[in-house]
Amino acid sequence: MDNSPEPDSCEKRLRFGCGFTFGAVVSFISALEGLAPYTGTFWAAVLGVAVITGLLAVRYGDDFWRKVLDWFRWL
């Protein structure tokens, strides 16, 4: 069980913003390969991934970023 204190609202906004930006950039680059035209589906996919990564970053914090870094080391 994690004994760290609950993050305050400023930290939650920062975590969400960083996770959202990361998710938007990665999904934008990935979606360019599969969904070349900038259609509604393209932007919906980018926005959906960005929101999900933002929420994961808020929920898991540093553990989320460690997993992301571990994943990128294997690429």
Protein backbone atom coordinates (compact mmCIF):
# COMPACT_ATOMS: atom_id res chain seq x y z
CA MET A 1 0.00 0.00 0.00
CA ASP A 2 1.27 3.47 -0.89
CA ASN A 3 1.69 5.80 2.09
CA SER A 4 2.35 8.94 0.04
CA PRO A 5 -0.04 11.85 0.60
CA GLU A 6 -2.83 12.61 -1.84
CA PRO A 7 -1.65 15.09 -4.50
CA ASP A 8 -3.14 18.57 -4.28
CA SER A 9 -5.16 20.16 -7.09
CA CYS A 10 -2.12 21.92 -8.60
CA GLU A 11 -0.19 18.65 -8.87
CA LYS A 12 -3.22 16.89 -10.36
CA ARG A 13 -3.53 19.59 -13.04
CA LEU A 14 0.18 19.34 -13.78
CA ARG A 15 0.04 15.55 -14.02
CA PHE A 16 -3.00 15.69 -16.30
CA GLY A 17 -1.45 18.36 -18.50
CA CYS A 18 1.79 16.45 -18.96
CA GLY A 19 0.00 13.15 -19.57
CA PHE A 20 -2.43 14.80 -21.98
CA THR A 21 0.37 16.46 -23.94
CA PHE A 22 2.38 13.24 -24.07
CA GLY A 23 -0.65 11.25 -25.22
CA ALA A 24 -1.55 13.84 -27.85
CA VAL A 25 1.95 13.91 -29.33
CA VAL A 26 2.44 10.14 -29.36
CA SER A 27 -1.03 9.40 -30.73
CA PHE A 28 -0.71 12.15 -33.35
CA ILE A 29 2.53 10.66 -34.63
CA SER A 30 1.15 7.11 -34.49
CA ALA A 31 -2.14 8.03 -36.15
CA LEU A 32 -0.35 9.72 -39.02
CA GLU A 33 0.73 6.29 -40.22
CA GLY A 34 -2.71 4.68 -40.10
CA LEU A 35 -5.16 7.53 -40.60
CA ALA A 36 -3.36 9.89 -42.96
CA PRO A 37 -6.20 12.33 -43.77
CA TYR A 38 -7.11 14.68 -40.94
CA THR A 39 -10.69 13.49 -40.54
CA GLY A 40 -12.90 13.50 -37.50
CA THR A 41 -11.78 9.97 -36.71
CA PHE A 42 -8.16 11.10 -36.67
CA TRP A 43 -8.82 13.90 -34.18
CA ALA A 44 -11.15 11.76 -32.07
CA ALA A 45 -8.44 9.10 -31.75
CA VAL A 46 -5.81 11.68 -30.82
CA LEU A 47 -8.11 13.36 -28.28
CA GLY A 48 -9.22 10.03 -26.79
CA VAL A 49 -5.68 8.77 -26.27
CA ALA A 50 -4.63 12.15 -24.86
CA VAL A 51 -7.44 12.14 -22.29
CA ILE A 52 -6.76 8.54 -21.28
CA THR A 53 -3.02 9.14 -20.79
CA GLY A 54 -3.81 12.31 -18.86
CA LEU A 55 -6.10 10.41 -16.51
CA LEU A 56 -3.57 7.59 -16.11
CA ALA A 57 -0.88 10.14 -15.24
CA VAL A 58 -3.14 11.67 -12.58
CA ARG A 59 -4.09 8.27 -11.13
CA TYR A 60 -0.66 6.60 -11.11
CA GLY A 61 1.73 9.58 -11.06
CA ASP A 62 5.40 8.63 -11.10
CA ASP A 63 4.63 4.94 -11.58
CA PHE A 64 2.94 5.79 -14.87
CA TRP A 65 6.00 7.68 -16.11
CA ARG A 66 8.33 4.87 -15.04
CA LYS A 67 6.27 2.40 -17.07
CA VAL A 68 6.31 4.77 -20.07
CA LEU A 69 10.09 5.12 -19.87
CA ASP A 70 10.51 1.35 -19.54
CA TRP A 71 8.32 0.86 -22.59
CA PHE A 72 10.32 3.36 -24.66
CA ARG A 73 13.60 1.69 -23.70
CA TRP A 74 12.41 -1.47 -25.44
CA LEU A 75 11.65 0.29 -28.72
